[in-house]
C-alpha atoms as a PDB file:
ATOM      1  CA  UNK A   1       0.000   0.000   0.000  1.00  0.00           C
ATOM      2  CA  UNK A   2       1.270   3.451  -0.832  1.00  0.00           C
ATOM      3  CA  UNK A   3      -0.374   6.905  -0.719  1.00  0.00           C
ATOM      4  CA  UNK A   4       0.626   7.675  -4.321  1.00  0.00           C
ATOM      5  CA  UNK A   5      -0.570   4.276  -5.619  1.00  0.00           C
ATOM      6  CA  UNK A   6       2.811   2.665  -6.328  1.00  0.00           C
ATOM      7  CA  UNK A   7       5.758   1.464  -4.256  1.00  0.00           C
ATOM      8  CA  UNK A   8       9.411   1.223  -5.269  1.00  0.00           C
ATOM      9  CA  UNK A   9      10.961  -2.193  -5.769  1.00  0.00           C
ATOM     10  CA  UNK A  10      14.669  -1.879  -5.078  1.00  0.00           C
ATOM     11  CA  UNK A  11      17.728  -3.849  -6.094  1.00  0.00           C
ATOM     12  CA  UNK A  12      19.030  -3.998  -2.509  1.00  0.00           C
ATOM     13  CA  UNK A  13      17.475  -3.327   0.946  1.00  0.00           C
ATOM     14  CA  UNK A  14      18.521   0.330   1.041  1.00  0.00           C
ATOM     15  CA  UNK A  15      16.697   3.590   0.210  1.00  0.00           C
ATOM     16  CA  UNK A  16      19.716   4.633  -1.887  1.00  0.00           C
ATOM     17  CA  UNK A  17      19.610   1.387  -3.884  1.00  0.00           C
ATOM     18  CA  UNK A  18      18.465   1.671  -7.513  1.00  0.00           C
ATOM     19  CA  UNK A  19      14.727   1.389  -8.088  1.00  0.00           C
ATOM     20  CA  UNK A  20      14.124  -1.545 -10.420  1.00  0.00           C
ATOM     21  CA  UNK A  21      10.488  -0.694 -10.961  1.00  0.00           C
ATOM     22  CA  UNK A  22       7.328   0.226  -9.113  1.00  0.00           C
ATOM     23  CA  UNK A  23       4.515  -2.047  -8.061  1.00  0.00           C
ATOM     24  CA  UNK A  24       0.899  -0.854  -7.863  1.00  0.00           C
ATOM     25  CA  UNK A  25      -0.870  -0.738  -4.518  1.00  0.00           C
ATOM     26  CA  UNK A  26      -2.922  -3.886  -4.075  1.00  0.00           C
ATOM     27  CA  UNK A  27      -0.441  -6.105  -5.945  1.00  0.00           C
ATOM     28  CA  UNK A  28       0.241  -9.280  -3.920  1.00  0.00           C
ATOM     29  CA  UNK A  29       3.789 -10.181  -2.963  1.00  0.00           C
ATOM     30  CA  UNK A  30       5.121 -12.998  -0.825  1.00  0.00           C
ATOM     31  CA  UNK A  31       7.371 -11.948   2.047  1.00  0.00           C
ATOM     32  CA  UNK A  32      10.548 -14.004   2.076  1.00  0.00           C
ATOM     33  CA  UNK A  33      12.616 -12.591   4.936  1.00  0.00           C
ATOM     34  CA  UNK A  34      13.128  -9.251   6.669  1.00  0.00           C
ATOM     35  CA  UNK A  35      16.195  -7.232   5.738  1.00  0.00           C
ATOM     36  CA  UNK A  36      16.340  -4.341   8.231  1.00  0.00           C
ATOM     37  CA  UNK A  37      13.656  -1.818   7.254  1.00  0.00           C
ATOM     38  CA  UNK A  38      12.918  -3.808   4.080  1.00  0.00           C
ATOM     39  CA  UNK A  39      11.465  -7.165   3.119  1.00  0.00           C
ATOM     40  CA  UNK A  40      12.876  -9.460   0.470  1.00  0.00           C
ATOM     41  CA  UNK A  41       9.747 -10.132  -1.618  1.00  0.00           C
ATOM     42  CA  UNK A  42       8.581 -12.330  -4.479  1.00  0.00           C
ATOM     43  CA  UNK A  43       6.077 -10.703  -6.827  1.00  0.00           C
ATOM     44  CA  UNK A  44       3.158 -13.007  -7.599  1.00  0.00           C
ATOM     45  CA  UNK A  45       2.899 -11.950 -11.216  1.00  0.00           C
ATOM     46  CA  UNK A  46       5.551 -10.851 -13.672  1.00  0.00           C
ATOM     47  CA  UNK A  47       5.733  -7.106 -14.240  1.00  0.00           C
ATOM     48  CA  UNK A  48       6.864  -5.933 -17.667  1.00  0.00           C
ATOM     49  CA  UNK A  49      10.424  -4.641 -17.701  1.00  0.00           C
ATOM     50  CA  UNK A  50      11.439  -6.329 -14.459  1.00  0.00           C
ATOM     51  CA  UNK A  51      14.723  -8.260 -14.543  1.00  0.00           C
ATOM     52  CA  UNK A  52      13.429 -10.960 -12.193  1.00  0.00           C
ATOM     53  CA  UNK A  53      10.726 -11.687  -9.645  1.00  0.00           C
ATOM     54  CA  UNK A  54      12.637 -10.898  -6.454  1.00  0.00           C
ATOM     55  CA  UNK A  55      13.318  -7.437  -5.075  1.00  0.00           C
ATOM     56  CA  UNK A  56      13.179  -5.392  -1.877  1.00  0.00           C
ATOM     57  CA  UNK A  57      10.211  -3.408  -0.623  1.00  0.00           C
ATOM     58  CA  UNK A  58      10.223  -1.029   2.350  1.00  0.00           C
ATOM     59  CA  UNK A  59       8.179  -2.443   5.224  1.00  0.00           C
ATOM     60  CA  UNK A  60       6.120   0.766   5.509  1.00  0.00           C
ATOM     61  CA  UNK A  61       4.633  -0.066   2.088  1.00  0.00           C
ATOM     62  CA  UNK A  62       3.353  -3.503   3.102  1.00  0.00           C
ATOM     63  CA  UNK A  63       0.075  -4.689   4.560  1.00  0.00           C
ATOM     64  CA  UNK A  64      -0.119  -8.331   5.680  1.00  0.00           C
ATOM     65  CA  UNK A  65      -3.286  -9.784   4.126  1.00  0.00           C
ATOM     66  CA  UNK A  66      -2.772 -13.551   4.334  1.00  0.00           C
ATOM     67  CA  UNK A  67      -1.077 -15.500   7.101  1.00  0.00           C
ATOM     68  CA  UNK A  68      -0.350 -19.215   6.927  1.00  0.00           C
ATOM     69  CA  UNK A  69       0.914 -19.293   3.356  1.00  0.00           C
ATOM     70  CA  UNK A  70       2.782 -22.505   2.503  1.00  0.00           C
ATOM     71  CA  UNK A  71       4.483 -21.132  -0.589  1.00  0.00           C
ATOM     72  CA  UNK A  72       4.033 -19.644  -4.027  1.00  0.00           C
ATOM     73  CA  UNK A  73       3.462 -21.433  -7.303  1.00  0.00           C
ATOM     74  CA  UNK A  74       2.629 -21.198 -10.971  1.00  0.00           C
ATOM     75  CA  UNK A  75       0.934 -23.455 -13.521  1.00  0.00           C
ATOM     76  CA  UNK A  76       2.928 -26.410 -14.844  1.00  0.00           C
ATOM     77  CA  UNK A  77       0.887 -27.993 -17.614  1.00  0.00           C
ATOM     78  CA  UNK A  78       1.738 -29.108 -21.156  1.00  0.00           C
ATOM     79  CA  UNK A  79      -1.281 -27.137 -22.378  1.00  0.00           C
ATOM     80  CA  UNK A  80       0.111 -23.991 -20.716  1.00  0.00           C
ATOM     81  CA  UNK A  81      -3.035 -23.455 -18.635  1.00  0.00           C
ATOM     82  CA  UNK A  82      -5.193 -25.050 -15.970  1.00  0.00           C
ATOM     83  CA  UNK A  83      -8.665 -24.485 -14.537  1.00  0.00           C
ATOM     84  CA  UNK A  84      -9.034 -22.817 -11.154  1.00  0.00           C
ATOM     85  CA  UNK A  85     -12.022 -24.545  -9.577  1.00  0.00           C
ATOM     86  CA  UNK A  86     -14.512 -23.559  -6.900  1.00  0.00           C
ATOM     87  CA  UNK A  87     -13.968 -26.803  -4.957  1.00  0.00           C
ATOM     88  CA  UNK A  88     -11.395 -29.610  -4.629  1.00  0.00           C
ATOM     89  CA  UNK A  89     -12.767 -31.781  -7.446  1.00  0.00           C
ATOM     90  CA  UNK A  90     -12.453 -32.100 -11.229  1.00  0.00           C
ATOM     91  CA  UNK A  91     -16.227 -31.707 -11.393  1.00  0.00           C
ATOM     92  CA  UNK A  92     -16.295 -28.456  -9.371  1.00  0.00           C
ATOM     93  CA  UNK A  93     -17.295 -25.263 -11.186  1.00  0.00           C
ATOM     94  CA  UNK A  94     -14.483 -23.603 -13.155  1.00  0.00           C
ATOM     95  CA  UNK A  95     -13.851 -20.076 -11.832  1.00  0.00           C
ATOM     96  CA  UNK A  96     -11.223 -19.067 -14.386  1.00  0.00           C
ATOM     97  CA  UNK A  97      -8.344 -20.394 -16.472  1.00  0.00           C
ATOM     98  CA  UNK A  98      -4.825 -19.762 -15.132  1.00  0.00           C
ATOM     99  CA  UNK A  99      -1.707 -19.691 -17.305  1.00  0.00           C
ATOM    100  CA  UNK A 100       1.991 -19.957 -16.455  1.00  0.00           C
ATOM    101  CA  UNK A 101       2.021 -16.156 -15.999  1.00  0.00           C
ATOM    102  CA  UNK A 102      -0.568 -16.368 -13.203  1.00  0.00           C
ATOM    103  CA  UNK A 103       1.385 -16.881 -10.000  1.00  0.00           C
ATOM    104  CA  UNK A 104      -0.437 -17.656  -6.770  1.00  0.00           C
ATOM    105  CA  UNK A 105      -0.113 -18.308  -3.058  1.00  0.00           C
ATOM    106  CA  UNK A 106      -0.476 -21.919  -1.923  1.00  0.00           C
ATOM    107  CA  UNK A 107      -2.662 -22.018   1.192  1.00  0.00           C
ATOM    108  CA  UNK A 108      -3.400 -25.758   1.628  1.00  0.00           C
ATOM    109  CA  UNK A 109      -1.979 -28.990   0.237  1.00  0.00           C
ATOM    110  CA  UNK A 110      -3.786 -32.175  -0.750  1.00  0.00           C
ATOM    111  CA  UNK A 111      -4.807 -33.780  -4.014  1.00  0.00           C
ATOM    112  CA  UNK A 112      -6.099 -30.301  -4.829  1.00  0.00           C
ATOM    113  CA  UNK A 113      -4.227 -27.241  -3.573  1.00  0.00           C
ATOM    114  CA  UNK A 114      -6.213 -24.295  -2.236  1.00  0.00           C
ATOM    115  CA  UNK A 115      -4.653 -21.189  -3.760  1.00  0.00           C
ATOM    116  CA  UNK A 116      -5.106 -17.431  -3.936  1.00  0.00           C
ATOM    117  CA  UNK A 117      -4.177 -15.664  -7.159  1.00  0.00           C
ATOM    118  CA  UNK A 118      -2.363 -12.354  -7.488  1.00  0.00           C
ATOM    119  CA  UNK A 119      -5.759 -10.860  -8.420  1.00  0.00           C
ATOM    120  CA  UNK A 120      -7.189 -12.083  -5.095  1.00  0.00           C
ATOM    121  CA  UNK A 121      -9.297 -14.950  -6.474  1.00  0.00           C
ATOM    122  CA  UNK A 122      -9.370 -18.097  -4.297  1.00  0.00           C
ATOM    123  CA  UNK A 123      -9.933 -21.615  -5.596  1.00  0.00           C
ATOM    124  CA  UNK A 124      -8.462 -25.073  -6.139  1.00  0.00           C
ATOM    125  CA  UNK A 125      -5.900 -26.519  -8.545  1.00  0.00           C
ATOM    126  CA  UNK A 126      -4.981 -30.177  -8.957  1.00  0.00           C
ATOM    127  CA  UNK A 127      -1.535 -30.817  -7.474  1.00  0.00           C
ATOM    128  CA  UNK A 128      -0.244 -32.191 -10.805  1.00  0.00           C
ATOM    129  CA  UNK A 129      -0.767 -28.754 -12.388  1.00  0.00           C
ATOM    130  CA  UNK A 130       1.263 -26.805  -9.803  1.00  0.00           C
ATOM    131  CA  UNK A 131       4.953 -25.928  -9.892  1.00  0.00           C
ATOM    132  CA  UNK A 132       6.303 -24.668  -6.580  1.00  0.00           C
ATOM    133  CA  UNK A 133       8.279 -21.432  -6.910  1.00  0.00           C
ATOM    134  CA  UNK A 134       8.897 -20.908  -3.210  1.00  0.00           C
ATOM    135  CA  UNK A 135       9.865 -22.856  -1.277  1.00  0.00           C
ATOM    136  CA  UNK A 136      11.199 -25.257  -3.846  1.00  0.00           C
ATOM    137  CA  UNK A 137       9.949 -28.694  -2.782  1.00  0.00           C
END
């Protein structure tokens, strides 16, 4: 969250460090570890022009919205997409189609993982369609 609508993503955990890009308020990130006044973060969706998915964000620009996150993931499917479902079943209603660019938080494990997308949509994905980004397991 930021009063002007965007927050600076920095190369290192220092206010004098180069700004790699900005991230809009409301964009989900996964907190990796604290680094002084900053957090090492993983963005949950690629942002055009960014060199990679990790950067540093000042802690004053963060609002914790989801505790108990197991990790972060993306779609791993030969088709390049998978259905996000309302319930943990192949017959559950399809909420949307996720692609490899749609990163998400993993909230529960099982045959179907309960996930929350970077856009804030919650649902279920079959475990065979998920690639863990963090932690790598």
